[in-house]
Amino acid sequence: MTTQTQTPPTADDTALKAKHAAMWALGDYAAVARELIPELGHVLVDACAIGPGQRVLDVAAGTGNVAIPAAQAGAEVVACDLAPELLDIGRGLAREAGTSLDWRRADAESLPFGDGSFDVVTSCVGVMFAPHHQLAADELVRVLRPGGRLGLVAWTPAGFIGQMFATMKPYAAPPPPGAQPPPLWGDESHTRELLGGRVEDIVTEKRSLTVHFDQPEDFRDFFKRTYGPTIVTYRGIADDPAKVAALDAALTELAREHMDGSGRMGWEYLLLTARRTA
């Protein structure tokens, strides 16, 4: 691989990335990270055996649910994300946790780091939302040193969040040409193909994250209030009460189908670790 050079983005690409950044700044993603998925950060830190002396890049880091535990483990961490609002929140959370790390605004499809700059590269339900999967995968591998460790967590297509996106799809604006569905990163064969022969020692495991809501409607309302993709979908149909009611009912029913009697749901995700070939 060659040293990274910045290719001037097209006007369409610039507009698309601006929309993505704005989407993730909506609502309260910090609440999602804090209340629903905090354990996933520790899952990646443990799976990648992150510790003192390692230089770590967390891509599409959000508010730092991997980056902060990695820094607490003693690593030198760079957390990058497309949405500056999330980085600002992450900085505050890191200060509260007594950790020091570098927060950088960056596009996962064009990372501003040199080849082989990091010992470990991670992404937790983050890079999967980059629209062009191959470009993002190429960047993950490029900035990883030979022999370095890659660790990814992605929602699966068949799991609850994958089904949530499928439920919202008929109500959402069509994706731009070339954009791929985020849950494909949770399909092992798809992600293996993206990484190709540039990594080895690939280990994959489907796991389940336990999430609790008292009622199906509580899940729906929480995501309508906090989660950027859901907020954007509802905004797009706001002038059509029938569609809003239909999506409300569909999301409520989806949650009901996945809840047990105590309000617990299992959200399936793919954990993948690999090592960059020499």
Protein backbone atom coordinates (compact mmCIF):
# COMPACT_ATOMS: atom_id res chain seq x y z
CA MET A 1 0.00 0.00 0.00
CA THR A 2 1.14 3.50 -0.69
CA THR A 3 1.35 6.46 1.61
CA GLN A 4 -2.00 8.18 2.05
CA THR A 5 -2.67 11.22 -0.08
CA GLN A 6 -5.74 13.39 0.12
CA THR A 7 -7.91 13.10 -3.00
CA PRO A 8 -10.16 16.13 -3.46
CA PRO A 9 -13.73 14.97 -2.76
CA THR A 10 -16.45 15.48 -5.31
CA ALA A 11 -19.25 17.92 -4.56
CA ASP A 12 -21.68 15.00 -4.18
CA ASP A 13 -19.37 13.23 -1.74
CA THR A 14 -18.85 16.38 0.31
CA ALA A 15 -22.61 16.90 0.55
CA LEU A 16 -23.17 13.25 1.52
CA LYS A 17 -20.58 13.37 4.30
CA ALA A 18 -22.03 16.64 5.58
CA LYS A 19 -25.44 14.95 5.80
CA HIS A 20 -23.94 11.99 7.66
CA ALA A 21 -22.17 14.24 10.15
CA ALA A 22 -25.36 16.23 10.72
CA MET A 23 -27.39 13.04 11.17
CA TRP A 24 -25.16 11.71 13.95
CA ALA A 25 -25.21 15.09 15.69
CA LEU A 26 -29.00 14.88 16.01
CA GLY A 27 -30.68 13.57 19.12
CA ASP A 28 -28.49 12.17 21.87
CA TYR A 29 -26.13 9.47 20.64
CA ALA A 30 -24.21 9.80 23.91
CA ALA A 31 -27.27 8.33 25.64
CA VAL A 32 -27.24 5.35 23.26
CA ALA A 33 -23.55 4.77 23.97
CA ARG A 34 -23.98 5.26 27.72
CA GLU A 35 -27.23 3.42 28.34
CA LEU A 36 -27.36 0.66 25.73
CA ILE A 37 -23.95 -0.31 24.34
CA PRO A 38 -21.24 0.60 26.90
CA GLU A 39 -20.04 -2.99 27.23
CA LEU A 40 -19.19 -3.22 23.51
CA GLY A 41 -16.21 -0.92 23.98
CA HIS A 42 -14.76 -3.23 26.61
CA VAL A 43 -15.46 -6.20 24.33
CA LEU A 44 -13.14 -4.73 21.67
CA VAL A 45 -10.46 -3.67 24.16
CA ASP A 46 -10.37 -7.21 25.51
CA ALA A 47 -10.59 -8.92 22.11
CA CYS A 48 -7.67 -6.87 20.78
CA ALA A 49 -5.68 -7.23 24.00
CA ILE A 50 -5.15 -3.46 24.12
CA GLY A 51 -2.65 -2.35 26.73
CA PRO A 52 0.26 -0.07 27.61
CA GLY A 53 2.66 0.95 24.85
CA GLN A 54 0.24 0.38 21.97
CA ARG A 55 -0.81 3.10 19.56
CA VAL A 56 -4.55 2.68 18.90
CA LEU A 57 -6.90 4.29 16.38
CA ASP A 58 -10.64 4.08 17.00
CA VAL A 59 -12.50 4.89 13.76
CA ALA A 60 -16.01 6.40 13.83
CA ALA A 61 -15.44 6.60 17.56
CA GLY A 62 -18.61 8.46 18.46
CA THR A 63 -18.34 9.60 22.07
CA GLY A 64 -15.54 7.16 22.88
CA ASN A 65 -17.02 3.89 24.07
CA VAL A 66 -13.91 2.07 22.80
CA ALA A 67 -11.40 4.91 22.85
CA ILE A 68 -11.82 5.80 26.52
CA PRO A 69 -11.48 2.21 27.86
CA ALA A 70 -8.48 1.74 25.54
CA ALA A 71 -6.83 4.83 27.03
CA GLN A 72 -7.66 3.60 30.52
CA ALA A 73 -5.87 0.37 29.62
CA GLY A 74 -2.71 2.41 29.05
CA ALA A 75 -2.70 2.73 25.26
CA GLU A 76 -1.90 5.88 23.29
CA VAL A 77 -5.26 6.48 21.61
CA VAL A 78 -6.52 8.55 18.71
CA ALA A 79 -10.32 8.72 18.44
CA CYS A 80 -11.67 9.99 15.12
CA ASP A 81 -15.20 10.67 13.92
CA LEU A 82 -17.00 12.60 11.20
CA ALA A 83 -19.25 14.49 13.66
CA PRO A 84 -17.43 17.15 15.69
CA GLU A 85 -20.35 17.33 18.13
CA LEU A 86 -19.72 13.72 19.19
CA LEU A 87 -16.01 14.40 19.59
CA ASP A 88 -16.77 17.34 21.87
CA ILE A 89 -18.90 15.11 24.08
CA GLY A 90 -16.17 12.46 24.06
CA ARG A 91 -13.57 14.98 25.19
CA GLY A 92 -15.73 15.83 28.18
CA LEU A 93 -16.31 12.17 29.04
CA ALA A 94 -12.59 11.47 28.80
CA ARG A 95 -11.84 14.32 31.19
CA GLU A 96 -14.42 12.99 33.63
CA ALA A 97 -12.78 9.56 33.39
CA GLY A 98 -9.34 11.05 34.00
CA THR A 99 -7.98 9.86 30.67
CA SER A 100 -5.97 11.63 28.00
CA LEU A 101 -6.35 10.88 24.30
CA ASP A 102 -6.33 12.64 20.93
CA TRP A 103 -9.69 13.49 19.36
CA ARG A 104 -9.63 14.11 15.60
CA ARG A 105 -12.33 14.89 13.06
CA ALA A 106 -11.83 12.47 10.17
CA ASP A 107 -13.67 10.64 7.41
CA ALA A 108 -13.38 6.84 7.70
CA GLU A 109 -13.06 6.66 3.92
CA SER A 110 -10.06 9.03 3.84
CA LEU A 111 -8.17 8.84 7.12
CA PRO A 112 -5.56 11.59 7.68
CA PHE A 113 -2.89 9.19 8.95
CA GLY A 114 0.13 7.62 7.30
CA ASP A 115 0.49 3.98 6.32
CA GLY A 116 1.11 1.61 9.21
CA SER A 117 0.69 4.31 11.86
CA PHE A 118 -1.11 2.18 14.46
CA ASP A 119 -0.63 -1.07 16.34
CA VAL A 120 -4.39 -1.56 16.72
CA VAL A 121 -7.32 -0.21 14.71
CA THR A 122 -10.85 -0.59 16.06
CA SER A 123 -14.39 0.41 15.22
CA CYS A 124 -17.51 -0.36 17.26
CA VAL A 125 -20.79 -0.12 15.29
CA GLY A 126 -19.19 2.91 13.65
CA VAL A 127 -17.33 2.32 10.40
CA MET A 128 -20.25 0.19 9.25
CA PHE A 129 -22.11 3.47 8.58
CA ALA A 130 -19.52 4.76 6.11
CA PRO A 131 -21.42 4.62 2.79
CA HIS A 132 -18.67 3.06 0.65
CA HIS A 133 -17.60 -0.11 2.38
CA GLN A 134 -14.55 -0.96 0.33
CA LEU A 135 -13.04 2.50 0.71
CA ALA A 136 -13.49 2.33 4.47
CA ALA A 137 -12.05 -1.18 4.70
CA ASP A 138 -9.04 -0.14 2.62
CA GLU A 139 -8.36 2.71 5.03
CA LEU A 140 -8.67 0.53 8.13
CA VAL A 141 -6.03 -1.82 6.78
CA ARG A 142 -3.79 0.89 5.35
CA VAL A 143 -3.21 2.72 8.62
CA LEU A 144 -2.55 -0.53 10.50
CA ARG A 145 1.08 -1.63 10.77
CA PRO A 146 2.04 -5.07 9.43
CA GLY A 147 1.30 -7.54 12.20
CA GLY A 148 -1.06 -5.09 13.88
CA ARG A 149 -4.47 -6.05 15.17
CA LEU A 150 -7.85 -5.05 13.68
CA GLY A 151 -11.00 -5.28 15.81
CA LEU A 152 -14.56 -4.63 14.63
CA VAL A 153 -18.05 -4.86 16.08
CA ALA A 154 -21.00 -4.56 13.67
CA TRP A 155 -24.73 -5.20 13.95
CA THR A 156 -25.76 -8.21 11.86
CA PRO A 157 -28.38 -8.07 9.09
CA ALA A 158 -30.50 -10.75 10.80
CA GLY A 159 -30.17 -9.29 14.29
CA PHE A 160 -32.47 -6.76 15.92
CA ILE A 161 -30.74 -3.58 14.73
CA GLY A 162 -30.37 -4.99 11.22
CA GLN A 163 -34.11 -5.68 11.25
CA MET A 164 -34.77 -2.21 12.60
CA PHE A 165 -33.04 -0.69 9.58
CA ALA A 166 -35.01 -3.00 7.29
CA THR A 167 -38.20 -1.85 9.03
CA MET A 168 -37.34 1.81 8.51
CA LYS A 169 -36.19 1.39 4.90
CA PRO A 170 -39.63 1.81 3.22
CA TYR A 171 -40.07 5.11 5.06
CA ALA A 172 -36.55 6.47 4.53
CA ALA A 173 -35.13 8.46 1.64
CA PRO A 174 -33.37 6.23 -0.91
CA PRO A 175 -29.61 5.98 -0.39
CA PRO A 176 -27.33 7.76 -2.85
CA PRO A 177 -25.85 5.70 -5.71
CA GLY A 178 -23.06 3.44 -4.50
CA ALA A 179 -23.94 3.58 -0.82
CA GLN A 180 -24.22 0.18 0.85
CA PRO A 181 -26.42 -0.92 3.79
CA PRO A 182 -24.59 -0.62 7.13
CA PRO A 183 -25.57 -4.06 8.50
CA LEU A 184 -23.66 -5.77 5.68
CA TRP A 185 -20.56 -5.26 7.86
CA GLY A 186 -22.17 -7.76 10.23
CA ASP A 187 -22.18 -10.39 7.47
CA GLU A 188 -18.94 -12.32 7.94
CA SER A 189 -18.52 -13.19 4.25
CA HIS A 190 -19.01 -9.54 3.23
CA THR A 191 -16.42 -8.25 5.68
CA ARG A 192 -13.92 -10.98 4.81
CA GLU A 193 -14.28 -10.00 1.17
CA LEU A 194 -13.70 -6.33 2.00
CA LEU A 195 -10.50 -7.13 3.88
CA GLY A 196 -9.28 -9.69 1.36
CA GLY A 197 -5.86 -11.26 1.69
CA ARG A 198 -4.45 -8.25 3.52
CA VAL A 199 -5.29 -9.76 6.91
CA GLU A 200 -4.82 -13.16 8.50
CA ASP A 201 -5.71 -14.96 11.73
CA ILE A 202 -9.32 -13.84 11.30
CA VAL A 203 -11.53 -14.78 14.23
CA THR A 204 -15.28 -14.10 14.13
CA GLU A 205 -18.01 -14.68 16.65
CA LYS A 206 -21.68 -13.76 16.72
CA ARG A 207 -22.63 -12.46 20.14
CA SER A 208 -25.73 -10.95 21.70
CA LEU A 209 -25.99 -7.70 23.63
CA THR A 210 -28.73 -7.72 26.24
CA VAL A 211 -30.80 -4.53 26.23
CA HIS A 212 -33.79 -3.73 28.43
CA PHE A 213 -36.82 -1.53 27.90
CA ASP A 214 -39.95 -1.73 30.06
CA GLN A 215 -42.30 -1.62 27.06
CA PRO A 216 -41.91 -1.86 23.26
CA GLU A 217 -43.08 1.75 23.01
CA ASP A 218 -40.21 2.79 25.28
CA PHE A 219 -37.71 1.42 22.78
CA ARG A 220 -39.45 3.22 19.91
CA ASP A 221 -39.61 6.54 21.73
CA PHE A 222 -36.01 6.30 22.93
CA PHE A 223 -34.74 5.81 19.38
CA LYS A 224 -37.01 8.55 18.02
CA ARG A 225 -35.45 10.90 20.56
CA THR A 226 -31.78 9.85 20.52
CA TYR A 227 -30.74 7.97 17.37
CA GLY A 228 -29.78 10.00 14.30
CA PRO A 229 -30.89 7.55 11.57
CA THR A 230 -34.29 7.12 13.22
CA ILE A 231 -34.72 10.86 13.71
CA VAL A 232 -33.88 11.55 10.06
CA THR A 233 -36.35 8.88 8.88
CA TYR A 234 -39.17 10.39 10.91
CA ARG A 235 -38.33 13.90 9.73
CA GLY A 236 -38.65 12.74 6.14
CA ILE A 237 -42.26 11.60 6.69
CA ALA A 238 -43.29 14.26 9.22
CA ASP A 239 -45.89 15.74 6.83
CA ASP A 240 -47.60 12.36 6.35
CA PRO A 241 -49.36 11.33 9.60
CA ALA A 242 -50.37 7.98 8.16
CA LYS A 243 -46.75 7.03 7.47
CA VAL A 244 -45.67 8.24 10.91
CA ALA A 245 -48.35 6.09 12.52
CA ALA A 246 -47.36 3.10 10.38
CA LEU A 247 -43.68 3.40 11.28
CA ASP A 248 -44.58 3.86 14.95
CA ALA A 249 -46.57 0.63 14.80
CA ALA A 250 -43.87 -1.26 12.87
CA LEU A 251 -41.08 -0.34 15.29
CA THR A 252 -43.26 -1.11 18.30
CA GLU A 253 -44.16 -4.51 16.89
CA LEU A 254 -40.53 -5.28 16.06
CA ALA A 255 -39.52 -4.58 19.66
CA ARG A 256 -42.45 -6.62 21.00
CA GLU A 257 -41.43 -9.62 18.89
CA HIS A 258 -37.91 -9.52 20.34
CA MET A 259 -38.75 -8.85 24.00
CA ASP A 260 -39.12 -11.48 26.65
CA GLY A 261 -41.52 -11.14 29.56
CA SER A 262 -39.09 -8.92 31.45
CA GLY A 263 -38.54 -6.48 28.58
CA ARG A 264 -35.12 -7.85 27.66
CA MET A 265 -33.94 -8.06 24.05
CA GLY A 266 -30.86 -9.69 22.54
CA TRP A 267 -29.20 -7.56 19.87
CA GLU A 268 -26.96 -9.73 17.71
CA TYR A 269 -23.58 -8.41 16.58
CA LEU A 270 -20.49 -9.75 14.84
CA LEU A 271 -17.16 -9.49 16.61
CA LEU A 272 -14.22 -9.76 14.20
CA THR A 273 -10.52 -9.62 14.96
CA ALA A 274 -7.69 -10.09 12.48
CA ARG A 275 -4.01 -9.36 12.03
CA ARG A 276 -2.57 -7.42 9.12
CA THR A 277 -0.29 -9.56 7.01
CA ALA A 278 3.39 -8.68 6.93
